[in-house]
N, C-alpha and C. Protein backbone atom coordinates (compact mmCIF):
# COMPACT_ATOMS: atom_id res chain seq x y z
N MET A 1 35.55 150.09 114.10
CA MET A 1 35.93 149.28 115.29
C MET A 1 37.32 148.52 115.25
N ALA A 2 37.56 147.92 114.09
CA ALA A 2 38.81 147.49 114.03
C ALA A 2 39.95 148.14 114.28
N LEU A 3 40.01 149.06 113.43
CA LEU A 3 40.95 150.29 113.54
C LEU A 3 41.20 150.68 114.77
N VAL A 4 40.15 150.86 115.72
CA VAL A 4 40.14 151.58 117.02
C VAL A 4 40.81 150.26 117.88
N GLY A 5 40.49 148.86 117.67
CA GLY A 5 40.72 147.95 118.62
C GLY A 5 42.47 147.80 118.23
N PHE A 6 42.88 148.15 116.92
CA PHE A 6 44.38 148.17 116.33
C PHE A 6 45.24 148.67 117.16
N VAL A 7 44.84 150.16 117.11
CA VAL A 7 45.30 151.20 117.75
C VAL A 7 45.15 150.85 119.21
N MET A 8 44.29 150.96 119.85
CA MET A 8 44.25 150.65 121.36
C MET A 8 45.05 149.27 121.97
N SER A 9 45.46 148.32 121.09
CA SER A 9 46.29 147.01 121.56
C SER A 9 47.40 147.77 121.94
N PHE A 10 47.88 148.81 121.61
CA PHE A 10 49.38 149.15 121.70
C PHE A 10 49.48 149.81 123.28
N PHE A 11 48.30 150.94 123.11
CA PHE A 11 48.08 151.62 124.46
C PHE A 11 47.39 150.81 125.71
N HIS A 12 46.66 150.13 125.51
CA HIS A 12 45.81 149.42 126.46
C HIS A 12 45.12 147.90 125.87
N PRO A 13 45.87 147.34 126.17
CA PRO A 13 45.67 145.81 125.53
C PRO A 13 44.24 145.24 125.84
N THR A 14 43.88 145.49 127.21
CA THR A 14 42.34 145.07 127.33
C THR A 14 41.17 145.79 126.53
N MET A 15 41.43 146.64 126.47
CA MET A 15 40.28 147.68 125.48
C MET A 15 40.50 147.33 124.12
N GLY A 16 41.94 147.35 123.65
CA GLY A 16 42.06 146.82 122.38
C GLY A 16 41.62 145.55 121.93
N LEU A 17 41.68 144.43 122.92
CA LEU A 17 40.96 143.18 122.74
C LEU A 17 39.69 143.27 122.50
N ILE A 18 39.04 144.10 123.11
CA ILE A 18 37.43 144.26 123.31
C ILE A 18 37.24 145.16 122.02
N PHE A 19 37.81 145.86 121.66
CA PHE A 19 37.10 146.58 120.25
C PHE A 19 37.46 145.78 119.09
N SER A 20 38.52 144.85 119.16
CA SER A 20 38.94 144.24 118.39
C SER A 20 37.94 143.22 117.84
N ILE A 21 37.39 142.61 118.95
CA ILE A 21 36.56 141.32 119.20
C ILE A 21 35.13 141.86 118.52
N ILE A 22 34.95 143.18 119.24
CA ILE A 22 33.58 143.95 118.49
C ILE A 22 33.69 144.25 116.88
N GLY A 23 34.87 144.75 116.79
CA GLY A 23 35.19 144.96 115.23
C GLY A 23 35.18 143.49 114.22
N MET A 24 35.65 142.57 114.64
CA MET A 24 35.50 141.36 114.03
C MET A 24 34.05 140.87 114.08
N CYS A 25 33.45 140.95 115.00
CA CYS A 25 31.79 140.77 114.78
C CYS A 25 31.11 141.47 113.76
N GLN A 26 31.37 142.78 113.76
CA GLN A 26 30.80 143.66 112.87
C GLN A 26 31.27 143.45 111.60
N ILE A 27 32.23 143.14 111.23
CA ILE A 27 32.80 142.54 109.86
C ILE A 27 32.32 141.32 109.46
N LYS A 28 32.23 140.41 110.14
CA LYS A 28 31.30 139.19 109.86
C LYS A 28 29.68 139.30 109.38
N LYS A 29 29.30 140.61 110.10
CA LYS A 29 27.49 140.63 110.02
C LYS A 29 27.54 141.56 108.76
N THR A 30 28.46 142.47 108.25
CA THR A 30 28.33 143.28 107.40
C THR A 30 29.22 143.36 106.45
N ASN A 31 30.20 142.14 106.43
CA ASN A 31 31.08 142.06 105.28
C ASN A 31 31.69 143.17 104.92
N GLU A 32 32.39 143.98 105.75
CA GLU A 32 33.21 145.33 105.41
C GLU A 32 34.48 145.00 105.54
N PRO A 33 35.36 145.70 105.03
CA PRO A 33 36.80 145.49 104.90
C PRO A 33 37.51 145.97 106.25
N GLY A 34 38.36 145.08 106.69
CA GLY A 34 39.24 145.79 108.01
C GLY A 34 39.45 144.41 108.90
N LYS A 35 39.15 143.21 108.12
CA LYS A 35 39.46 142.02 108.95
C LYS A 35 41.04 141.85 109.48
N GLY A 36 41.76 142.19 108.60
CA GLY A 36 43.01 141.93 108.99
C GLY A 36 43.31 143.11 110.33
N PHE A 37 43.07 144.17 110.47
CA PHE A 37 43.02 145.07 111.57
C PHE A 37 42.68 144.49 112.64
N ALA A 38 41.38 143.77 112.65
CA ALA A 38 40.98 143.36 113.66
C ALA A 38 41.61 142.05 114.10
N LEU A 39 41.91 140.95 113.31
CA LEU A 39 42.73 140.17 113.74
C LEU A 39 44.00 140.51 114.30
N ALA A 40 44.87 141.45 113.55
CA ALA A 40 46.26 142.06 114.27
C ALA A 40 45.80 142.56 115.66
N GLY A 41 44.72 143.32 115.79
CA GLY A 41 44.34 143.88 116.94
C GLY A 41 44.51 142.74 118.19
N ILE A 42 43.57 141.90 118.07
CA ILE A 42 43.33 140.59 118.84
C ILE A 42 44.63 139.80 119.26
N ILE A 43 45.28 139.62 118.12
CA ILE A 43 46.67 138.99 118.37
C ILE A 43 47.45 140.10 119.31
N ILE A 44 47.61 141.35 119.03
CA ILE A 44 48.77 141.75 119.68
C ILE A 44 47.95 142.13 121.12
N SER A 45 46.56 142.44 121.19
CA SER A 45 46.30 142.66 122.53
C SER A 45 46.42 141.16 123.55
N ALA A 46 46.28 139.96 123.18
CA ALA A 46 46.52 138.96 123.77
C ALA A 46 47.78 138.67 123.94
N VAL A 47 49.04 138.82 123.36
CA VAL A 47 50.17 138.42 123.33
C VAL A 47 50.73 139.75 124.41
N THR A 48 50.25 141.07 124.21
CA THR A 48 50.84 141.83 125.43
C THR A 48 50.03 141.47 126.61
N PHE A 49 48.81 141.20 126.90
CA PHE A 49 48.04 140.90 128.02
C PHE A 49 48.89 139.63 128.59
N VAL A 50 49.25 138.80 127.82
CA VAL A 50 50.06 137.25 128.24
C VAL A 50 51.63 137.61 128.92
N LEU A 51 52.00 138.39 128.40
CA LEU A 51 53.49 138.93 128.81
C LEU A 51 53.28 140.08 129.85
N VAL A 52 52.37 140.78 130.00
CA VAL A 52 52.20 141.50 131.26
C VAL A 52 51.73 140.52 132.53
N LEU A 53 51.24 139.95 131.98
CA LEU A 53 50.59 138.80 133.24
C LEU A 53 52.01 137.61 133.68
N LEU A 54 52.63 137.65 132.74
CA LEU A 54 54.02 136.71 133.08
C LEU A 54 54.98 137.65 133.91
N LEU A 55 55.12 138.98 133.27
CA LEU A 55 55.98 139.71 134.02
C LEU A 55 55.56 140.26 135.85
N LEU A 56 54.09 140.33 135.87
CA LEU A 56 53.51 140.57 137.00
C LEU A 56 53.98 139.24 138.09
N LEU A 57 53.56 137.85 137.54
CA LEU A 57 54.13 136.76 138.09
C LEU A 57 55.34 136.87 138.59
N LEU A 58 56.33 137.17 137.72
CA LEU A 58 57.88 137.04 138.07
C LEU A 58 58.07 138.17 139.09
N TYR A 59 57.54 139.16 139.15
CA TYR A 59 57.85 139.97 139.87
C TYR A 59 57.36 139.63 141.62
N PHE A 60 56.20 139.01 141.36
CA PHE A 60 55.78 138.62 142.59
C PHE A 60 56.51 137.26 143.25
N PHE A 61 57.10 136.66 142.41
CA PHE A 61 57.69 135.44 142.77
C PHE A 61 59.15 135.89 143.36
N MET A 62 59.77 137.06 142.80
CA MET A 62 60.82 137.62 143.18
C MET A 62 60.65 138.30 144.26
N PHE A 63 59.93 138.72 144.48
CA PHE A 63 59.44 139.63 145.97
C PHE A 63 59.18 138.74 146.92
N ALA A 64 58.60 137.32 146.82
CA ALA A 64 58.27 136.57 147.62
C ALA A 64 59.64 135.87 148.05
N ALA A 65 60.51 135.40 147.13
CA ALA A 65 61.60 135.07 147.19
C ALA A 65 62.67 135.90 148.51
N ILE A 66 62.72 137.28 148.13
CA ILE A 66 63.62 138.19 148.69
C ILE A 66 62.95 138.05 150.09
N LEU A 67 61.87 138.29 150.29
CA LEU A 67 61.10 138.04 151.78
C LEU A 67 61.34 136.98 152.49
N ALA A 68 61.35 135.79 151.47
CA ALA A 68 62.00 134.44 152.32
C ALA A 68 63.24 134.15 152.57
N GLY A 69 64.08 135.22 152.33
CA GLY A 69 65.47 135.03 152.43
C GLY A 69 66.47 134.39 151.43
N GLU A 70 65.68 133.86 150.31
CA GLU A 70 66.62 132.60 149.49
C GLU A 70 67.46 133.70 148.76
N MET A 71 67.16 134.82 148.23
CA MET A 71 68.28 135.68 147.52
C MET A 71 68.70 136.73 148.56
N SER A 72 69.83 136.51 148.97
CA SER A 72 70.66 137.70 149.96
C SER A 72 71.43 138.58 148.95
N TYR A 73 71.59 139.78 149.16
CA TYR A 73 72.37 140.59 148.50
C TYR A 73 73.50 141.24 149.52
N TYR A 74 74.63 140.82 148.83
CA TYR A 74 76.06 141.38 149.79
C TYR A 74 76.39 143.06 149.45
N TYR A 75 76.24 143.75 150.14
CA TYR A 75 76.88 145.30 149.89
C TYR A 75 78.07 145.33 150.11
């Protein structure tokens, strides 16, 4: 599960985070190898998720500023 979470963190951060957390829990119970993959998947997923959220907020505020007329473009 840890390896699946690590790979998924690059393509779908939400699923990567879920799989990495499941993998980390399994590793703690069974003492299997792969803790690094699970930890990396959690970190990459969380950072990607935060960056996407910040970009969405930036787009929202830019769109709101354009609609409010604060940003005008002269062509």
